[in-house]
Amino acid sequence: MNDDTFNHSIRKLLKNVGVNSQQSIEQAVKDALADGRLKGDESLPATVKVHVAGLDLDLEFDGDITLE
């Protein structure tokens, strides 16, 4: 195993997940505000799940997305 290649691929995946999920969440919040499903002062519970095929690895992270 090449540690540099391995670490780079993990960082690339996590960056992709971070950037794309942030953009998707931002758009979903804007849409929900625009159509009245959100008021803008909510705190939204969120869960992120990570599964790696071929490994016995299932991770779950919980947190809140606070709008105000």
PDB file of N, CA and C in Angstrom:
ATOM      1  N   MET A   1       0.850  -1.182   0.000  1.00  0.00           N
ATOM      2  CA  MET A   1       0.000   0.000   0.000  1.00  0.00           C
ATOM      3  C   MET A   1       0.890   1.237   0.000  1.00  0.00           C
ATOM      4  N   ASN A   2       0.505   2.209  -0.788  1.00  0.00           N
ATOM      5  CA  ASN A   2       1.209   3.477  -0.829  1.00  0.00           C
ATOM      6  C   ASN A   2       0.463   4.449   0.089  1.00  0.00           C
ATOM      7  N   ASP A   3       1.096   4.812   1.209  1.00  0.00           N
ATOM      8  CA  ASP A   3       0.445   5.673   2.194  1.00  0.00           C
ATOM      9  C   ASP A   3       0.054   7.030   1.620  1.00  0.00           C
ATOM     10  N   ASP A   4       0.915   7.609   0.786  1.00  0.00           N
ATOM     11  CA  ASP A   4       0.600   8.918   0.212  1.00  0.00           C
ATOM     12  C   ASP A   4      -0.625   8.847  -0.692  1.00  0.00           C
ATOM     13  N   THR A   5      -0.687   7.846  -1.533  1.00  0.00           N
ATOM     14  CA  THR A   5      -1.844   7.669  -2.418  1.00  0.00           C
ATOM     15  C   THR A   5      -3.103   7.416  -1.607  1.00  0.00           C
ATOM     16  N   PHE A   6      -2.992   6.561  -0.603  1.00  0.00           N
ATOM     17  CA  PHE A   6      -4.119   6.233   0.273  1.00  0.00           C
ATOM     18  C   PHE A   6      -4.647   7.486   0.972  1.00  0.00           C
ATOM     19  N   ASN A   7      -3.760   8.241   1.613  1.00  0.00           N
ATOM     20  CA  ASN A   7      -4.167   9.455   2.333  1.00  0.00           C
ATOM     21  C   ASN A   7      -4.746  10.495   1.388  1.00  0.00           C
ATOM     22  N   HIS A   8      -4.150  10.634   0.216  1.00  0.00           N
ATOM     23  CA  HIS A   8      -4.653  11.595  -0.772  1.00  0.00           C
ATOM     24  C   HIS A   8      -6.070  11.223  -1.205  1.00  0.00           C
ATOM     25  N   SER A   9      -6.317   9.942  -1.445  1.00  0.00           N
ATOM     26  CA  SER A   9      -7.648   9.522  -1.892  1.00  0.00           C
ATOM     27  C   SER A   9      -8.695   9.745  -0.806  1.00  0.00           C
ATOM     28  N   ILE A  10      -8.333   9.541   0.450  1.00  0.00           N
ATOM     29  CA  ILE A  10      -9.265   9.813   1.553  1.00  0.00           C
ATOM     30  C   ILE A  10      -9.567  11.301   1.632  1.00  0.00           C
ATOM     31  N   ARG A  11      -8.535  12.134   1.579  1.00  0.00           N
ATOM     32  CA  ARG A  11      -8.733  13.589   1.643  1.00  0.00           C
ATOM     33  C   ARG A  11      -9.575  14.073   0.478  1.00  0.00           C
ATOM     34  N   LYS A  12      -9.349  13.520  -0.711  1.00  0.00           N
ATOM     35  CA  LYS A  12     -10.115  13.906  -1.901  1.00  0.00           C
ATOM     36  C   LYS A  12     -11.593  13.543  -1.724  1.00  0.00           C
ATOM     37  N   LEU A  13     -11.869  12.342  -1.239  1.00  0.00           N
ATOM     38  CA  LEU A  13     -13.248  11.923  -0.995  1.00  0.00           C
ATOM     39  C   LEU A  13     -13.917  12.834   0.028  1.00  0.00           C
ATOM     40  N   LEU A  14     -13.244  13.085   1.147  1.00  0.00           N
ATOM     41  CA  LEU A  14     -13.839  13.906   2.199  1.00  0.00           C
ATOM     42  C   LEU A  14     -14.050  15.348   1.753  1.00  0.00           C
ATOM     43  N   LYS A  15     -13.144  15.879   0.954  1.00  0.00           N
ATOM     44  CA  LYS A  15     -13.329  17.229   0.421  1.00  0.00           C
ATOM     45  C   LYS A  15     -14.545  17.265  -0.494  1.00  0.00           C
ATOM     46  N   ASN A  16     -14.671  16.264  -1.361  1.00  0.00           N
ATOM     47  CA  ASN A  16     -15.811  16.177  -2.268  1.00  0.00           C
ATOM     48  C   ASN A  16     -17.124  16.101  -1.478  1.00  0.00           C
ATOM     49  N   VAL A  17     -17.143  15.248  -0.459  1.00  0.00           N
ATOM     50  CA  VAL A  17     -18.334  15.118   0.385  1.00  0.00           C
ATOM     51  C   VAL A  17     -18.639  16.443   1.074  1.00  0.00           C
ATOM     52  N   GLY A  18     -17.625  17.073   1.640  1.00  0.00           N
ATOM     53  CA  GLY A  18     -17.824  18.329   2.357  1.00  0.00           C
ATOM     54  C   GLY A  18     -18.363  19.437   1.475  1.00  0.00           C
ATOM     55  N   VAL A  19     -17.737  19.644   0.337  1.00  0.00           N
ATOM     56  CA  VAL A  19     -18.143  20.725  -0.569  1.00  0.00           C
ATOM     57  C   VAL A  19     -19.541  20.470  -1.123  1.00  0.00           C
ATOM     58  N   ASN A  20     -19.771  19.267  -1.628  1.00  0.00           N
ATOM     59  CA  ASN A  20     -21.064  18.979  -2.252  1.00  0.00           C
ATOM     60  C   ASN A  20     -22.202  18.916  -1.250  1.00  0.00           C
ATOM     61  N   SER A  21     -21.961  18.369  -0.077  1.00  0.00           N
ATOM     62  CA  SER A  21     -23.037  18.332   0.914  1.00  0.00           C
ATOM     63  C   SER A  21     -23.346  19.728   1.428  1.00  0.00           C
ATOM     64  N   GLN A  22     -22.343  20.573   1.602  1.00  0.00           N
ATOM     65  CA  GLN A  22     -22.600  21.951   2.034  1.00  0.00           C
ATOM     66  C   GLN A  22     -23.435  22.685   1.006  1.00  0.00           C
ATOM     67  N   GLN A  23     -23.089  22.567  -0.262  1.00  0.00           N
ATOM     68  CA  GLN A  23     -23.862  23.228  -1.312  1.00  0.00           C
ATOM     69  C   GLN A  23     -25.298  22.719  -1.349  1.00  0.00           C
ATOM     70  N   SER A  24     -25.481  21.422  -1.199  1.00  0.00           N
ATOM     71  CA  SER A  24     -26.827  20.841  -1.219  1.00  0.00           C
ATOM     72  C   SER A  24     -27.648  21.299  -0.020  1.00  0.00           C
ATOM     73  N   ILE A  25     -27.029  21.344   1.157  1.00  0.00           N
ATOM     74  CA  ILE A  25     -27.737  21.805   2.352  1.00  0.00           C
ATOM     75  C   ILE A  25     -28.107  23.276   2.209  1.00  0.00           C
ATOM     76  N   GLU A  26     -27.169  24.106   1.740  1.00  0.00           N
ATOM     77  CA  GLU A  26     -27.457  25.526   1.557  1.00  0.00           C
ATOM     78  C   GLU A  26     -28.625  25.734   0.606  1.00  0.00           C
ATOM     79  N   GLN A  27     -28.652  25.000  -0.503  1.00  0.00           N
ATOM     80  CA  GLN A  27     -29.743  25.142  -1.473  1.00  0.00           C
ATOM     81  C   GLN A  27     -31.066  24.664  -0.887  1.00  0.00           C
ATOM     82  N   ALA A  28     -31.041  23.551  -0.153  1.00  0.00           N
ATOM     83  CA  ALA A  28     -32.260  23.032   0.454  1.00  0.00           C
ATOM     84  C   ALA A  28     -32.822  24.013   1.487  1.00  0.00           C
ATOM     85  N   VAL A  29     -31.951  24.651   2.259  1.00  0.00           N
ATOM     86  CA  VAL A  29     -32.402  25.644   3.237  1.00  0.00           C
ATOM     87  C   VAL A  29     -32.991  26.855   2.522  1.00  0.00           C
ATOM     88  N   LYS A  30     -32.329  27.349   1.485  1.00  0.00           N
ATOM     89  CA  LYS A  30     -32.860  28.491   0.723  1.00  0.00           C
ATOM     90  C   LYS A  30     -34.226  28.167   0.142  1.00  0.00           C
ATOM     91  N   ASP A  31     -34.376  26.967  -0.411  1.00  0.00           N
ATOM     92  CA  ASP A  31     -35.662  26.549  -0.976  1.00  0.00           C
ATOM     93  C   ASP A  31     -36.735  26.479   0.101  1.00  0.00           C
ATOM     94  N   ALA A  32     -36.380  25.900   1.253  1.00  0.00           N
ATOM     95  CA  ALA A  32     -37.342  25.768   2.345  1.00  0.00           C
ATOM     96  C   ALA A  32     -37.736  27.126   2.914  1.00  0.00           C
ATOM     97  N   LEU A  33     -36.799  28.066   2.968  1.00  0.00           N
ATOM     98  CA  LEU A  33     -37.125  29.425   3.406  1.00  0.00           C
ATOM     99  C   LEU A  33     -38.049  30.105   2.401  1.00  0.00           C
ATOM    100  N   ALA A  34     -37.753  29.935   1.129  1.00  0.00           N
ATOM    101  CA  ALA A  34     -38.531  30.580   0.074  1.00  0.00           C
ATOM    102  C   ALA A  34     -39.974  30.089   0.037  1.00  0.00           C
ATOM    103  N   ASP A  35     -40.194  28.815   0.297  1.00  0.00           N
ATOM    104  CA  ASP A  35     -41.567  28.312   0.224  1.00  0.00           C
ATOM    105  C   ASP A  35     -42.238  28.180   1.595  1.00  0.00           C
ATOM    106  N   GLY A  36     -41.606  28.728   2.627  1.00  0.00           N
ATOM    107  CA  GLY A  36     -42.240  28.824   3.934  1.00  0.00           C
ATOM    108  C   GLY A  36     -42.132  27.598   4.827  1.00  0.00           C
ATOM    109  N   ARG A  37     -41.384  26.586   4.424  1.00  0.00           N
ATOM    110  CA  ARG A  37     -41.228  25.406   5.287  1.00  0.00           C
ATOM    111  C   ARG A  37     -40.325  25.685   6.477  1.00  0.00           C
ATOM    112  N   LEU A  38     -39.449  26.687   6.338  1.00  0.00           N
ATOM    113  CA  LEU A  38     -38.597  27.134   7.440  1.00  0.00           C
ATOM    114  C   LEU A  38     -38.813  28.621   7.663  1.00  0.00           C
ATOM    115  N   LYS A  39     -38.644  29.044   8.938  1.00  0.00           N
ATOM    116  CA  LYS A  39     -38.769  30.469   9.264  1.00  0.00           C
ATOM    117  C   LYS A  39     -37.420  31.179   9.247  1.00  0.00           C
ATOM    118  N   GLY A  40     -36.354  30.427   9.502  1.00  0.00           N
ATOM    119  CA  GLY A  40     -35.024  31.019   9.499  1.00  0.00           C
ATOM    120  C   GLY A  40     -34.378  31.079  10.864  1.00  0.00           C
ATOM    121  N   ASP A  41     -35.093  30.622  11.885  1.00  0.00           N
ATOM    122  CA  ASP A  41     -34.517  30.643  13.233  1.00  0.00           C
ATOM    123  C   ASP A  41     -34.372  29.225  13.807  1.00  0.00           C
ATOM    124  N   GLU A  42     -34.488  28.229  12.948  1.00  0.00           N
ATOM    125  CA  GLU A  42     -34.444  26.842  13.397  1.00  0.00           C
ATOM    126  C   GLU A  42     -33.019  26.341  13.642  1.00  0.00           C
ATOM    127  N   SER A  43     -32.980  25.258  14.399  1.00  0.00           N
ATOM    128  CA  SER A  43     -31.780  24.452  14.533  1.00  0.00           C
ATOM    129  C   SER A  43     -32.180  23.066  14.029  1.00  0.00           C
ATOM    130  N   LEU A  44     -31.527  22.608  12.994  1.00  0.00           N
ATOM    131  CA  LEU A  44     -31.925  21.382  12.317  1.00  0.00           C
ATOM    132  C   LEU A  44     -30.970  20.246  12.669  1.00  0.00           C
ATOM    133  N   PRO A  45     -31.484  19.181  13.297  1.00  0.00           N
ATOM    134  CA  PRO A  45     -30.619  18.039  13.575  1.00  0.00           C
ATOM    135  C   PRO A  45     -30.200  17.372  12.271  1.00  0.00           C
ATOM    136  N   ALA A  46     -28.956  16.958  12.205  1.00  0.00           N
ATOM    137  CA  ALA A  46     -28.439  16.343  10.983  1.00  0.00           C
ATOM    138  C   ALA A  46     -27.578  15.131  11.346  1.00  0.00           C
ATOM    139  N   THR A  47     -27.577  14.173  10.440  1.00  0.00           N
ATOM    140  CA  THR A  47     -26.757  12.975  10.604  1.00  0.00           C
ATOM    141  C   THR A  47     -25.970  12.742   9.319  1.00  0.00           C
ATOM    142  N   VAL A  48     -24.708  12.431   9.466  1.00  0.00           N
ATOM    143  CA  VAL A  48     -23.859  12.071   8.335  1.00  0.00           C
ATOM    144  C   VAL A  48     -23.422  10.621   8.546  1.00  0.00           C
ATOM    145  N   LYS A  49     -23.625   9.812   7.516  1.00  0.00           N
ATOM    146  CA  LYS A  49     -23.248   8.402   7.599  1.00  0.00           C
ATOM    147  C   LYS A  49     -22.152   8.105   6.583  1.00  0.00           C
ATOM    148  N   VAL A  50     -21.192   7.295   6.998  1.00  0.00           N
ATOM    149  CA  VAL A  50     -20.093   6.891   6.125  1.00  0.00           C
ATOM    150  C   VAL A  50     -20.029   5.368   6.141  1.00  0.00           C
ATOM    151  N   HIS A  51     -20.054   4.798   4.955  1.00  0.00           N
ATOM    152  CA  HIS A  51     -19.925   3.353   4.811  1.00  0.00           C
ATOM    153  C   HIS A  51     -18.830   3.093   3.791  1.00  0.00           C
ATOM    154  N   VAL A  52     -17.917   2.215   4.117  1.00  0.00           N
ATOM    155  CA  VAL A  52     -16.853   1.855   3.195  1.00  0.00           C
ATOM    156  C   VAL A  52     -17.048   0.392   2.804  1.00  0.00           C
ATOM    157  N   ALA A  53     -17.383   0.176   1.536  1.00  0.00           N
ATOM    158  CA  ALA A  53     -17.578  -1.185   1.033  1.00  0.00           C
ATOM    159  C   ALA A  53     -16.277  -1.965   1.153  1.00  0.00           C
ATOM    160  N   GLY A  54     -16.387  -3.216   1.516  1.00  0.00           N
ATOM    161  CA  GLY A  54     -15.208  -4.057   1.648  1.00  0.00           C
ATOM    162  C   GLY A  54     -14.590  -4.012   3.028  1.00  0.00           C
ATOM    163  N   LEU A  55     -15.064  -3.101   3.849  1.00  0.00           N
ATOM    164  CA  LEU A  55     -14.587  -2.999   5.229  1.00  0.00           C
ATOM    165  C   LEU A  55     -15.793  -3.103   6.154  1.00  0.00           C
ATOM    166  N   ASP A  56     -15.566  -3.536   7.346  1.00  0.00           N
ATOM    167  CA  ASP A  56     -16.625  -3.551   8.348  1.00  0.00           C
ATOM    168  C   ASP A  56     -16.629  -2.180   9.022  1.00  0.00           C
ATOM    169  N   LEU A  57     -16.997  -1.154   8.229  1.00  0.00           N
ATOM    170  CA  LEU A  57     -16.919   0.221   8.716  1.00  0.00           C
ATOM    171  C   LEU A  57     -18.197   0.962   8.375  1.00  0.00           C
ATOM    172  N   ASP A  58     -18.938   1.302   9.391  1.00  0.00           N
ATOM    173  CA  ASP A  58     -20.119   2.141   9.272  1.00  0.00           C
ATOM    174  C   ASP A  58     -20.015   3.186  10.371  1.00  0.00           C
ATOM    175  N   LEU A  59     -19.883   4.436   9.973  1.00  0.00           N
ATOM    176  CA  LEU A  59     -19.747   5.534  10.926  1.00  0.00           C
ATOM    177  C   LEU A  59     -20.974   6.422  10.841  1.00  0.00           C
ATOM    178  N   GLU A  60     -21.318   7.039  11.954  1.00  0.00           N
ATOM    179  CA  GLU A  60     -22.424   7.982  11.985  1.00  0.00           C
ATOM    180  C   GLU A  60     -22.042   9.155  12.871  1.00  0.00           C
ATOM    181  N   PHE A  61     -22.251  10.363  12.350  1.00  0.00           N
ATOM    182  CA  PHE A  61     -21.938  11.585  13.073  1.00  0.00           C
ATOM    183  C   PHE A  61     -23.207  12.425  13.155  1.00  0.00           C
ATOM    184  N   ASP A  62     -23.529  12.906  14.350  1.00  0.00           N
ATOM    185  CA  ASP A  62     -24.711  13.734  14.555  1.00  0.00           C
ATOM    186  C   ASP A  62     -24.289  15.147  14.929  1.00  0.00           C
ATOM    187  N   GLY A  63     -25.107  16.090  14.507  1.00  0.00           N
ATOM    188  CA  GLY A  63     -24.867  17.480  14.857  1.00  0.00           C
ATOM    189  C   GLY A  63     -26.087  18.309  14.514  1.00  0.00           C
ATOM    190  N   ASP A  64     -25.977  19.597  14.685  1.00  0.00           N
ATOM    191  CA  ASP A  64     -27.071  20.514  14.381  1.00  0.00           C
ATOM    192  C   ASP A  64     -26.612  21.558  13.384  1.00  0.00           C
ATOM    193  N   ILE A  65     -27.527  21.916  12.505  1.00  0.00           N
ATOM    194  CA  ILE A  65     -27.317  23.020  11.576  1.00  0.00           C
ATOM    195  C   ILE A  65     -28.195  24.153  12.089  1.00  0.00           C
ATOM    196  N   THR A  66     -27.561  25.202  12.562  1.00  0.00           N
ATOM    197  CA  THR A  66     -28.269  26.315  13.183  1.00  0.00           C
ATOM    198  C   THR A  66     -28.391  27.463  12.198  1.00  0.00           C
ATOM    199  N   LEU A  67     -29.618  27.940  12.021  1.00  0.00           N
ATOM    200  CA  LEU A  67     -29.854  29.005  11.037  1.00  0.00           C
ATOM    201  C   LEU A  67     -29.721  30.392  11.632  1.00  0.00           C
ATOM    202  N   GLU A  68     -29.841  30.525  12.930  1.00  0.00           N
ATOM    203  CA  GLU A  68     -29.700  31.849  13.545  1.00  0.00           C
ATOM    204  C   GLU A  68     -28.981  31.733  14.857  1.00  0.00           C
TER     205      GLU A  68
END
